Amino acid sequence: NWCPNNYGRSYAGSMPLTVALAKSINTIPVQMSIAIGKA
């Protein structure tokens, strides 16, 4: 029941990983933790 939000309470859609880090998108690290486990 935990769903992270971004600073602006919105979602930016698709982007290169570099942009996601520069913009500090919160959902991407959570997706990464899931992807590491699924690997």
PDB file of all heavy atoms in Angstrom:
ATOM      1  N   ASN A   1       0.810  -1.219   0.000  1.00  0.00           N
ATOM      2  CA  ASN A   1       0.000   0.000   0.000  1.00  0.00           C
ATOM      3  C   ASN A   1       0.842   1.267   0.000  1.00  0.00           C
ATOM      4  O   ASN A   1       0.338   2.357   0.250  1.00  0.00           O
ATOM      5  CB  ASN A   1      -0.951   0.005   1.200  1.00  0.00           C
ATOM      6  CG  ASN A   1      -0.192  -0.083   2.524  1.00  0.00           C
ATOM      7  OD1 ASN A   1       1.033  -0.142   2.536  1.00  0.00           O
ATOM      8  ND2 ASN A   1      -0.926  -0.100   3.618  1.00  0.00           N
ATOM      9  N   TRP A   2       2.141   1.116  -0.275  1.00  0.00           N
ATOM     10  CA  TRP A   2       3.028   2.293  -0.335  1.00  0.00           C
ATOM     11  C   TRP A   2       3.291   2.655  -1.779  1.00  0.00           C
ATOM     12  O   TRP A   2       3.767   1.833  -2.565  1.00  0.00           O
ATOM     13  CB  TRP A   2       4.339   2.009   0.380  1.00  0.00           C
ATOM     14  CG  TRP A   2       5.308   3.161   0.314  1.00  0.00           C
ATOM     15  CD1 TRP A   2       5.268   4.307   1.031  1.00  0.00           C
ATOM     16  CD2 TRP A   2       6.458   3.264  -0.541  1.00  0.00           C
ATOM     17  NE1 TRP A   2       6.324   5.132   0.684  1.00  0.00           N
ATOM     18  CE2 TRP A   2       7.066   4.506  -0.267  1.00  0.00           C
ATOM     19  CE3 TRP A   2       7.015   2.419  -1.505  1.00  0.00           C
ATOM     20  CZ2 TRP A   2       8.211   4.929  -0.924  1.00  0.00           C
ATOM     21  CZ3 TRP A   2       8.163   2.834  -2.160  1.00  0.00           C
ATOM     22  CH2 TRP A   2       8.747   4.085  -1.875  1.00  0.00           C
ATOM     23  N   CYS A   3       3.011   3.919  -2.134  1.00  0.00           N
ATOM     24  CA  CYS A   3       3.206   4.404  -3.499  1.00  0.00           C
ATOM     25  C   CYS A   3       3.966   5.729  -3.445  1.00  0.00           C
ATOM     26  O   CYS A   3       3.432   6.731  -2.957  1.00  0.00           O
ATOM     27  CB  CYS A   3       1.863   4.607  -4.205  1.00  0.00           C
ATOM     28  SG  CYS A   3       0.814   3.137  -4.239  1.00  0.00           S
ATOM     29  N   PRO A   4       5.222   5.772  -3.881  1.00  0.00           N
ATOM     30  CA  PRO A   4       5.997   7.010  -3.806  1.00  0.00           C
ATOM     31  C   PRO A   4       5.499   8.065  -4.786  1.00  0.00           C
ATOM     32  O   PRO A   4       4.990   7.746  -5.867  1.00  0.00           O
ATOM     33  CB  PRO A   4       7.407   6.553  -4.170  1.00  0.00           C
ATOM     34  CG  PRO A   4       7.202   5.366  -5.043  1.00  0.00           C
ATOM     35  CD  PRO A   4       5.982   4.681  -4.507  1.00  0.00           C
ATOM     36  N   ASN A   5       5.651   9.335  -4.390  1.00  0.00           N
ATOM     37  CA  ASN A   5       5.306  10.467  -5.252  1.00  0.00           C
ATOM     38  C   ASN A   5       6.553  11.275  -5.556  1.00  0.00           C
ATOM     39  O   ASN A   5       7.532  11.254  -4.805  1.00  0.00           O
ATOM     40  CB  ASN A   5       4.275  11.375  -4.576  1.00  0.00           C
ATOM     41  CG  ASN A   5       2.929  10.702  -4.428  1.00  0.00           C
ATOM     42  OD1 ASN A   5       2.425  10.111  -5.375  1.00  0.00           O
ATOM     43  ND2 ASN A   5       2.350  10.772  -3.226  1.00  0.00           N
ATOM     44  N   ASN A   6       6.527  12.019  -6.628  1.00  0.00           N
ATOM     45  CA  ASN A   6       7.602  12.937  -6.950  1.00  0.00           C
ATOM     46  C   ASN A   6       7.395  14.262  -6.221  1.00  0.00           C
ATOM     47  O   ASN A   6       6.342  14.522  -5.632  1.00  0.00           O
ATOM     48  CB  ASN A   6       7.664  13.171  -8.467  1.00  0.00           C
ATOM     49  CG  ASN A   6       8.124  11.928  -9.209  1.00  0.00           C
ATOM     50  OD1 ASN A   6       9.056  11.249  -8.782  1.00  0.00           O
ATOM     51  ND2 ASN A   6       7.457  11.619 -10.317  1.00  0.00           N
ATOM     52  N   TYR A   7       8.425  15.106  -6.297  1.00  0.00           N
ATOM     53  CA  TYR A   7       8.376  16.397  -5.626  1.00  0.00           C
ATOM     54  C   TYR A   7       7.170  17.211  -6.097  1.00  0.00           C
ATOM     55  O   TYR A   7       6.496  17.865  -5.305  1.00  0.00           O
ATOM     56  CB  TYR A   7       9.683  17.163  -5.892  1.00  0.00           C
ATOM     57  CG  TYR A   7       9.745  18.518  -5.236  1.00  0.00           C
ATOM     58  CD1 TYR A   7       9.971  18.640  -3.876  1.00  0.00           C
ATOM     59  CD2 TYR A   7       9.583  19.681  -5.990  1.00  0.00           C
ATOM     60  CE1 TYR A   7      10.037  19.885  -3.271  1.00  0.00           C
ATOM     61  CE2 TYR A   7       9.646  20.929  -5.399  1.00  0.00           C
ATOM     62  CZ  TYR A   7       9.880  21.032  -4.030  1.00  0.00           C
ATOM     63  OH  TYR A   7       9.941  22.266  -3.443  1.00  0.00           O
ATOM     64  N   GLY A   8       6.869  17.162  -7.402  1.00  0.00           N
ATOM     65  CA  GLY A   8       5.769  17.958  -7.941  1.00  0.00           C
ATOM     66  C   GLY A   8       4.435  17.238  -7.954  1.00  0.00           C
ATOM     67  O   GLY A   8       3.466  17.735  -8.548  1.00  0.00           O
ATOM     68  N   ARG A   9       4.352  16.046  -7.336  1.00  0.00           N
ATOM     69  CA  ARG A   9       3.110  15.267  -7.262  1.00  0.00           C
ATOM     70  C   ARG A   9       2.582  14.910  -8.653  1.00  0.00           C
ATOM     71  O   ARG A   9       1.378  14.820  -8.872  1.00  0.00           O
ATOM     72  CB  ARG A   9       2.024  16.042  -6.500  1.00  0.00           C
ATOM     73  CG  ARG A   9       2.418  16.455  -5.107  1.00  0.00           C
ATOM     74  CD  ARG A   9       2.281  15.308  -4.129  1.00  0.00           C
ATOM     75  NE  ARG A   9       2.690  15.687  -2.779  1.00  0.00           N
ATOM     76  CZ  ARG A   9       2.644  14.870  -1.740  1.00  0.00           C
ATOM     77  NH1 ARG A   9       2.211  13.635  -1.907  1.00  0.00           N
ATOM     78  NH2 ARG A   9       3.058  15.261  -0.554  1.00  0.00           N
ATOM     79  N   SER A  10       3.499  14.745  -9.620  1.00  0.00           N
ATOM     80  CA  SER A  10       3.065  14.383 -10.972  1.00  0.00           C
ATOM     81  C   SER A  10       4.075  13.411 -11.557  1.00  0.00           C
ATOM     82  O   SER A  10       5.115  13.135 -10.945  1.00  0.00           O
ATOM     83  CB  SER A  10       2.949  15.624 -11.866  1.00  0.00           C
ATOM     84  OG  SER A  10       4.202  16.269 -11.978  1.00  0.00           O
ATOM     85  N   TYR A  11       3.770  12.903 -12.770  1.00  0.00           N
ATOM     86  CA  TYR A  11       4.652  11.940 -13.417  1.00  0.00           C
ATOM     87  C   TYR A  11       5.087  12.508 -14.757  1.00  0.00           C
ATOM     88  O   TYR A  11       4.301  13.121 -15.476  1.00  0.00           O
ATOM     89  CB  TYR A  11       3.947  10.603 -13.589  1.00  0.00           C
ATOM     90  CG  TYR A  11       3.514  10.010 -12.258  1.00  0.00           C
ATOM     91  CD1 TYR A  11       2.189  10.146 -11.827  1.00  0.00           C
ATOM     92  CD2 TYR A  11       4.416   9.355 -11.444  1.00  0.00           C
ATOM     93  CE1 TYR A  11       1.784   9.624 -10.614  1.00  0.00           C
ATOM     94  CE2 TYR A  11       4.026   8.826 -10.222  1.00  0.00           C
ATOM     95  CZ  TYR A  11       2.707   8.972  -9.805  1.00  0.00           C
ATOM     96  OH  TYR A  11       2.324   8.465  -8.592  1.00  0.00           O
ATOM     97  N   ALA A  12       6.363  12.292 -15.086  1.00  0.00           N
ATOM     98  CA  ALA A  12       6.948  12.932 -16.272  1.00  0.00           C
ATOM     99  C   ALA A  12       7.000  12.024 -17.484  1.00  0.00           C
ATOM    100  O   ALA A  12       7.462  12.441 -18.547  1.00  0.00           O
ATOM    101  CB  ALA A  12       8.358  13.421 -15.944  1.00  0.00           C
ATOM    102  N   GLY A  13       6.595  10.777 -17.369  1.00  0.00           N
ATOM    103  CA  GLY A  13       6.601   9.880 -18.518  1.00  0.00           C
ATOM    104  C   GLY A  13       7.983   9.322 -18.804  1.00  0.00           C
ATOM    105  O   GLY A  13       8.822   9.178 -17.916  1.00  0.00           O
ATOM    106  N   SER A  14       8.245   9.025 -20.084  1.00  0.00           N
ATOM    107  CA  SER A  14       9.500   8.374 -20.473  1.00  0.00           C
ATOM    108  C   SER A  14      10.626   9.385 -20.635  1.00  0.00           C
ATOM    109  O   SER A  14      10.405  10.520 -21.081  1.00  0.00           O
ATOM    110  CB  SER A  14       9.308   7.603 -21.778  1.00  0.00           C
ATOM    111  OG  SER A  14       8.348   6.580 -21.599  1.00  0.00           O
ATOM    112  N   MET A  15      11.841   8.937 -20.304  1.00  0.00           N
ATOM    113  CA  MET A  15      13.031   9.795 -20.387  1.00  0.00           C
ATOM    114  C   MET A  15      14.274   8.923 -20.271  1.00  0.00           C
ATOM    115  O   MET A  15      14.205   7.792 -19.770  1.00  0.00           O
ATOM    116  CB  MET A  15      13.007  10.838 -19.267  1.00  0.00           C
ATOM    117  CG  MET A  15      13.196  10.221 -17.879  1.00  0.00           C
ATOM    118  SD  MET A  15      12.810  11.353 -16.536  1.00  0.00           S
ATOM    119  CE  MET A  15      11.014  11.268 -16.601  1.00  0.00           C
ATOM    120  N   PRO A  16      15.444   9.418 -20.712  1.00  0.00           N
ATOM    121  CA  PRO A  16      16.686   8.676 -20.494  1.00  0.00           C
ATOM    122  C   PRO A  16      17.009   8.605 -18.995  1.00  0.00           C
ATOM    123  O   PRO A  16      16.610   9.467 -18.209  1.00  0.00           O
ATOM    124  CB  PRO A  16      17.735   9.495 -21.258  1.00  0.00           C
ATOM    125  CG  PRO A  16      16.952  10.317 -22.219  1.00  0.00           C
ATOM    126  CD  PRO A  16      15.645  10.613 -21.543  1.00  0.00           C
ATOM    127  N   LEU A  17      17.754   7.604 -18.623  1.00  0.00           N
ATOM    128  CA  LEU A  17      18.111   7.420 -17.212  1.00  0.00           C
ATOM    129  C   LEU A  17      18.871   8.632 -16.669  1.00  0.00           C
ATOM    130  O   LEU A  17      18.694   9.017 -15.505  1.00  0.00           O
ATOM    131  CB  LEU A  17      18.970   6.155 -17.063  1.00  0.00           C
ATOM    132  CG  LEU A  17      19.210   5.681 -15.625  1.00  0.00           C
ATOM    133  CD1 LEU A  17      17.914   5.219 -14.983  1.00  0.00           C
ATOM    134  CD2 LEU A  17      20.251   4.557 -15.596  1.00  0.00           C
ATOM    135  N   THR A  18      19.698   9.247 -17.498  1.00  0.00           N
ATOM    136  CA  THR A  18      20.460  10.426 -17.067  1.00  0.00           C
ATOM    137  C   THR A  18      19.524  11.545 -16.632  1.00  0.00           C
ATOM    138  O   THR A  18      19.750  12.200 -15.608  1.00  0.00           O
ATOM    139  CB  THR A  18      21.369  10.923 -18.208  1.00  0.00           C
ATOM    140  OG1 THR A  18      22.305   9.900 -18.535  1.00  0.00           O
ATOM    141  CG2 THR A  18      22.118  12.177 -17.809  1.00  0.00           C
ATOM    142  N   VAL A  19      18.464  11.760 -17.390  1.00  0.00           N
ATOM    143  CA  VAL A  19      17.501  12.818 -17.047  1.00  0.00           C
ATOM    144  C   VAL A  19      16.770  12.462 -15.756  1.00  0.00           C
ATOM    145  O   VAL A  19      16.516  13.313 -14.903  1.00  0.00           O
ATOM    146  CB  VAL A  19      16.508  13.035 -18.207  1.00  0.00           C
ATOM    147  CG1 VAL A  19      15.436  14.047 -17.804  1.00  0.00           C
ATOM    148  CG2 VAL A  19      17.241  13.498 -19.456  1.00  0.00           C
ATOM    149  N   ALA A  20      16.432  11.193 -15.585  1.00  0.00           N
ATOM    150  CA  ALA A  20      15.728  10.769 -14.370  1.00  0.00           C
ATOM    151  C   ALA A  20      16.554  11.067 -13.126  1.00  0.00           C
ATOM    152  O   ALA A  20      16.018  11.494 -12.087  1.00  0.00           O
ATOM    153  CB  ALA A  20      15.409   9.279 -14.451  1.00  0.00           C
ATOM    154  N   LEU A  21      17.883  10.859 -13.198  1.00  0.00           N
ATOM    155  CA  LEU A  21      18.738  11.149 -12.052  1.00  0.00           C
ATOM    156  C   LEU A  21      18.889  12.646 -11.853  1.00  0.00           C
ATOM    157  O   LEU A  21      18.822  13.141 -10.714  1.00  0.00           O
ATOM    158  CB  LEU A  21      20.114  10.496 -12.260  1.00  0.00           C
ATOM    159  CG  LEU A  21      21.117  10.669 -11.104  1.00  0.00           C
ATOM    160  CD1 LEU A  21      20.564  10.100  -9.807  1.00  0.00           C
ATOM    161  CD2 LEU A  21      22.454  10.002 -11.447  1.00  0.00           C
ATOM    162  N   ALA A  22      19.080  13.374 -12.939  1.00  0.00           N
ATOM    163  CA  ALA A  22      19.242  14.829 -12.825  1.00  0.00           C
ATOM    164  C   ALA A  22      17.993  15.477 -12.255  1.00  0.00           C
ATOM    165  O   ALA A  22      18.075  16.427 -11.467  1.00  0.00           O
ATOM    166  CB  ALA A  22      19.582  15.423 -14.192  1.00  0.00           C
ATOM    167  N   LYS A  23      16.812  14.988 -12.639  1.00  0.00           N
ATOM    168  CA  LYS A  23      15.549  15.548 -12.158  1.00  0.00           C
ATOM    169  C   LYS A  23      15.098  14.922 -10.835  1.00  0.00           C
ATOM    170  O   LYS A  23      14.077  15.316 -10.284  1.00  0.00           O
ATOM    171  CB  LYS A  23      14.459  15.346 -13.209  1.00  0.00           C
ATOM    172  CG  LYS A  23      14.743  16.006 -14.564  1.00  0.00           C
ATOM    173  CD  LYS A  23      14.856  17.517 -14.431  1.00  0.00           C
ATOM    174  CE  LYS A  23      15.066  18.175 -15.801  1.00  0.00           C
ATOM    175  NZ  LYS A  23      15.220  19.654 -15.685  1.00  0.00           N
ATOM    176  N   SER A  24      15.855  13.933 -10.361  1.00  0.00           N
ATOM    177  CA  SER A  24      15.580  13.281  -9.075  1.00  0.00           C
ATOM    178  C   SER A  24      14.179  12.684  -9.029  1.00  0.00           C
ATOM    179  O   SER A  24      13.415  12.901  -8.085  1.00  0.00           O
ATOM    180  CB  SER A  24      15.767  14.274  -7.914  1.00  0.00           C
ATOM    181  OG  SER A  24      15.919  13.601  -6.685  1.00  0.00           O
ATOM    182  N   ILE A  25      13.846  11.893 -10.040  1.00  0.00           N
ATOM    183  CA  ILE A  25      12.543  11.231 -10.102  1.00  0.00           C
ATOM    184  C   ILE A  25      12.482  10.120  -9.053  1.00  0.00           C
ATOM    185  O   ILE A  25      13.346   9.243  -9.011  1.00  0.00           O
ATOM    186  CB  ILE A  25      12.299  10.652 -11.509  1.00  0.00           C
ATOM    187  CG1 ILE A  25      12.422  11.759 -12.572  1.00  0.00           C
ATOM    188  CG2 ILE A  25      10.948   9.974 -11.579  1.00  0.00           C
ATOM    189  CD1 ILE A  25      11.416  12.878 -12.416  1.00  0.00           C
ATOM    190  N   ASN A  26      11.479  10.128  -8.199  1.00  0.00           N
ATOM    191  CA  ASN A  26      11.393   9.182  -7.085  1.00  0.00           C
ATOM    192  C   ASN A  26      10.990   7.772  -7.496  1.00  0.00           C
ATOM    193  O   ASN A  26      11.392   6.792  -6.867  1.00  0.00           O
ATOM    194  CB  ASN A  26      10.403   9.688  -6.030  1.00  0.00           C
ATOM    195  CG  ASN A  26      11.028  10.720  -5.113  1.00  0.00           C
ATOM    196  OD1 ASN A  26      12.240  10.802  -5.002  1.00  0.00           O
ATOM    197  ND2 ASN A  26      10.196  11.512  -4.467  1.00  0.00           N
ATOM    198  N   THR A  27      10.178   7.656  -8.524  1.00  0.00           N
ATOM    199  CA  THR A  27       9.670   6.317  -8.849  1.00  0.00           C
ATOM    200  C   THR A  27      10.729   5.421  -9.482  1.00  0.00           C
ATOM    201  O   THR A  27      10.636   4.193  -9.388  1.00  0.00           O
ATOM    202  CB  THR A  27       8.473   6.420  -9.812  1.00  0.00           C
ATOM    203  OG1 THR A  27       8.901   7.003 -11.049  1.00  0.00           O
ATOM    204  CG2 THR A  27       7.356   7.257  -9.198  1.00  0.00           C
ATOM    205  N   ILE A  28      11.730   6.007 -10.106  1.00  0.00           N
ATOM    206  CA  ILE A  28      12.726   5.212 -10.821  1.00  0.00           C
ATOM    207  C   ILE A  28      13.554   4.337  -9.867  1.00  0.00           C
ATOM    208  O   ILE A  28      13.743   3.138 -10.144  1.00  0.00           O
ATOM    209  CB  ILE A  28      13.629   6.113 -11.684  1.00  0.00           C
ATOM    210  CG1 ILE A  28      12.780   6.926 -12.687  1.00  0.00           C
ATOM    211  CG2 ILE A  28      14.678   5.283 -12.406  1.00  0.00           C
ATOM    212  CD1 ILE A  28      11.897   6.075 -13.582  1.00  0.00           C
ATOM    213  N   PRO A  29      14.090   4.849  -8.747  1.00  0.00           N
ATOM    214  CA  PRO A  29      14.838   3.962  -7.833  1.00  0.00           C
ATOM    215  C   PRO A  29      13.987   2.808  -7.302  1.00  0.00           C
ATOM    216  O   PRO A  29      14.507   1.702  -7.097  1.00  0.00           O
ATOM    217  CB  PRO A  29      15.270   4.899  -6.703  1.00  0.00           C
ATOM    218  CG  PRO A  29      15.265   6.252  -7.298  1.00  0.00           C
ATOM    219  CD  PRO A  29      14.142   6.250  -8.280  1.00  0.00           C
ATOM    220  N   VAL A  30      12.692   3.060  -7.083  1.00  0.00           N
ATOM    221  CA  VAL A  30      11.825   1.982  -6.606  1.00  0.00           C
ATOM    222  C   VAL A  30      11.673   0.927  -7.699  1.00  0.00           C
ATOM    223  O   VAL A  30      11.732  -0.283  -7.432  1.00  0.00           O
ATOM    224  CB  VAL A  30      10.458   2.547  -6.183  1.00  0.00           C
ATOM    225  CG1 VAL A  30       9.548   1.420  -5.704  1.00  0.00           C
ATOM    226  CG2 VAL A  30      10.631   3.592  -5.084  1.00  0.00           C
ATOM    227  N   GLN A  31      11.478   1.384  -8.941  1.00  0.00           N
ATOM    228  CA  GLN A  31      11.408   0.431 -10.049  1.00  0.00           C
ATOM    229  C   GLN A  31      12.719  -0.352 -10.181  1.00  0.00           C
ATOM    230  O   GLN A  31      12.712  -1.550 -10.495  1.00  0.00           O
ATOM    231  CB  GLN A  31      11.112   1.172 -11.355  1.00  0.00           C
ATOM    232  CG  GLN A  31       9.735   1.822 -11.421  1.00  0.00           C
ATOM    233  CD  GLN A  31       9.504   2.536 -12.742  1.00  0.00           C
ATOM    234  OE1 GLN A  31       9.777   1.984 -13.815  1.00  0.00           O
ATOM    235  NE2 GLN A  31       9.006   3.771 -12.678  1.00  0.00           N
ATOM    236  N   MET A  32      13.842   0.323  -9.917  1.00  0.00           N
ATOM    237  CA  MET A  32      15.140  -0.354 -10.003  1.00  0.00           C
ATOM    238  C   MET A  32      15.252  -1.469  -8.968  1.00  0.00           C
ATOM    239  O   MET A  32      15.765  -2.556  -9.254  1.00  0.00           O
ATOM    240  CB  MET A  32      16.268   0.660  -9.796  1.00  0.00           C
ATOM    241  CG  MET A  32      16.525   1.558 -10.984  1.00  0.00           C
ATOM    242  SD  MET A  32      17.860   2.725 -10.651  1.00  0.00           S
ATOM    243  CE  MET A  32      18.248   3.256 -12.311  1.00  0.00           C
ATOM    244  N   SER A  33      14.778  -1.212  -7.749  1.00  0.00           N
ATOM    245  CA  SER A  33      14.861  -2.245  -6.709  1.00  0.00           C
ATOM    246  C   SER A  33      14.060  -3.481  -7.112  1.00  0.00           C
ATOM    247  O   SER A  33      14.489  -4.613  -6.874  1.00  0.00           O
ATOM    248  CB  SER A  33      14.355  -1.686  -5.373  1.00  0.00           C
ATOM    249  OG  SER A  33      12.952  -1.436  -5.414  1.00  0.00           O
ATOM    250  N   ILE A  34      12.924  -3.262  -7.763  1.00  0.00           N
ATOM    251  CA  ILE A  34      12.114  -4.395  -8.230  1.00  0.00           C
ATOM    252  C   ILE A  34      12.823  -5.127  -9.365  1.00  0.00           C
ATOM    253  O   ILE A  34      12.874  -6.361  -9.401  1.00  0.00           O
ATOM    254  CB  ILE A  34      10.725  -3.903  -8.683  1.00  0.00           C
ATOM    255  CG1 ILE A  34       9.965  -3.281  -7.493  1.00  0.00           C
ATOM    256  CG2 ILE A  34       9.923  -5.032  -9.304  1.00  0.00           C
ATOM    257  CD1 ILE A  34       8.667  -2.599  -7.885  1.00  0.00           C
ATOM    258  N   ALA A  35      13.414  -4.343 -10.278  1.00  0.00           N
ATOM    259  CA  ALA A  35      14.100  -4.956 -11.420  1.00  0.00           C
ATOM    260  C   ALA A  35      15.302  -5.779 -10.971  1.00  0.00           C
ATOM    261  O   ALA A  35      15.579  -6.855 -11.523  1.00  0.00           O
ATOM    262  CB  ALA A  35      14.540  -3.865 -12.397  1.00  0.00           C
ATOM    263  N   ILE A  36      16.026  -5.312  -9.981  1.00  0.00           N
ATOM    264  CA  ILE A  36      17.181  -6.062  -9.473  1.00  0.00           C
ATOM    265  C   ILE A  36      16.722  -7.400  -8.909  1.00  0.00           C
ATOM    266  O   ILE A  36      17.344  -8.444  -9.135  1.00  0.00           O
ATOM    267  CB  ILE A  36      17.928  -5.246  -8.398  1.00  0.00           C
ATOM    268  CG1 ILE A  36      18.566  -3.996  -9.021  1.00  0.00           C
ATOM    269  CG2 ILE A  36      19.001  -6.093  -7.727  1.00  0.00           C
ATOM    270  CD1 ILE A  36      19.159  -3.031  -8.001  1.00  0.00           C
ATOM    271  N   GLY A  37      15.611  -7.371  -8.149  1.00  0.00           N
ATOM    272  CA  GLY A  37      15.088  -8.614  -7.587  1.00  0.00           C
ATOM    273  C   GLY A  37      14.588  -9.566  -8.643  1.00  0.00           C
ATOM    274  O   GLY A  37      14.817 -10.788  -8.565  1.00  0.00           O
ATOM    275  N   LYS A  38      13.901  -9.038  -9.651  1.00  0.00           N
ATOM    276  CA  LYS A  38      13.369  -9.905 -10.710  1.00  0.00           C
ATOM    277  C   LYS A  38      14.476 -10.525 -11.545  1.00  0.00           C
ATOM    278  O   LYS A  38      14.285 -11.605 -12.122  1.00  0.00           O
ATOM    279  CB  LYS A  38      12.422  -9.107 -11.597  1.00  0.00           C
ATOM    280  CG  LYS A  38      11.075  -8.810 -10.939  1.00  0.00           C
ATOM    281  CD  LYS A  38      10.102  -8.163 -11.911  1.00  0.00           C
ATOM    282  CE  LYS A  38       8.718  -7.994 -11.282  1.00  0.00           C
ATOM    283  NZ  LYS A  38       7.746  -7.388 -12.222  1.00  0.00           N
ATOM    284  N   ALA A  39      15.644  -9.866 -11.598  1.00  0.00           N
ATOM    285  CA  ALA A  39      16.767 -10.426 -12.354  1.00  0.00           C
ATOM    286  C   ALA A  39      17.274 -11.717 -11.733  1.00  0.00           C
ATOM    287  O   ALA A  39      17.968 -12.498 -12.389  1.00  0.00           O
ATOM    288  CB  ALA A  39      17.899  -9.411 -12.442  1.00  0.00           C
TER     289      ALA A  39
END
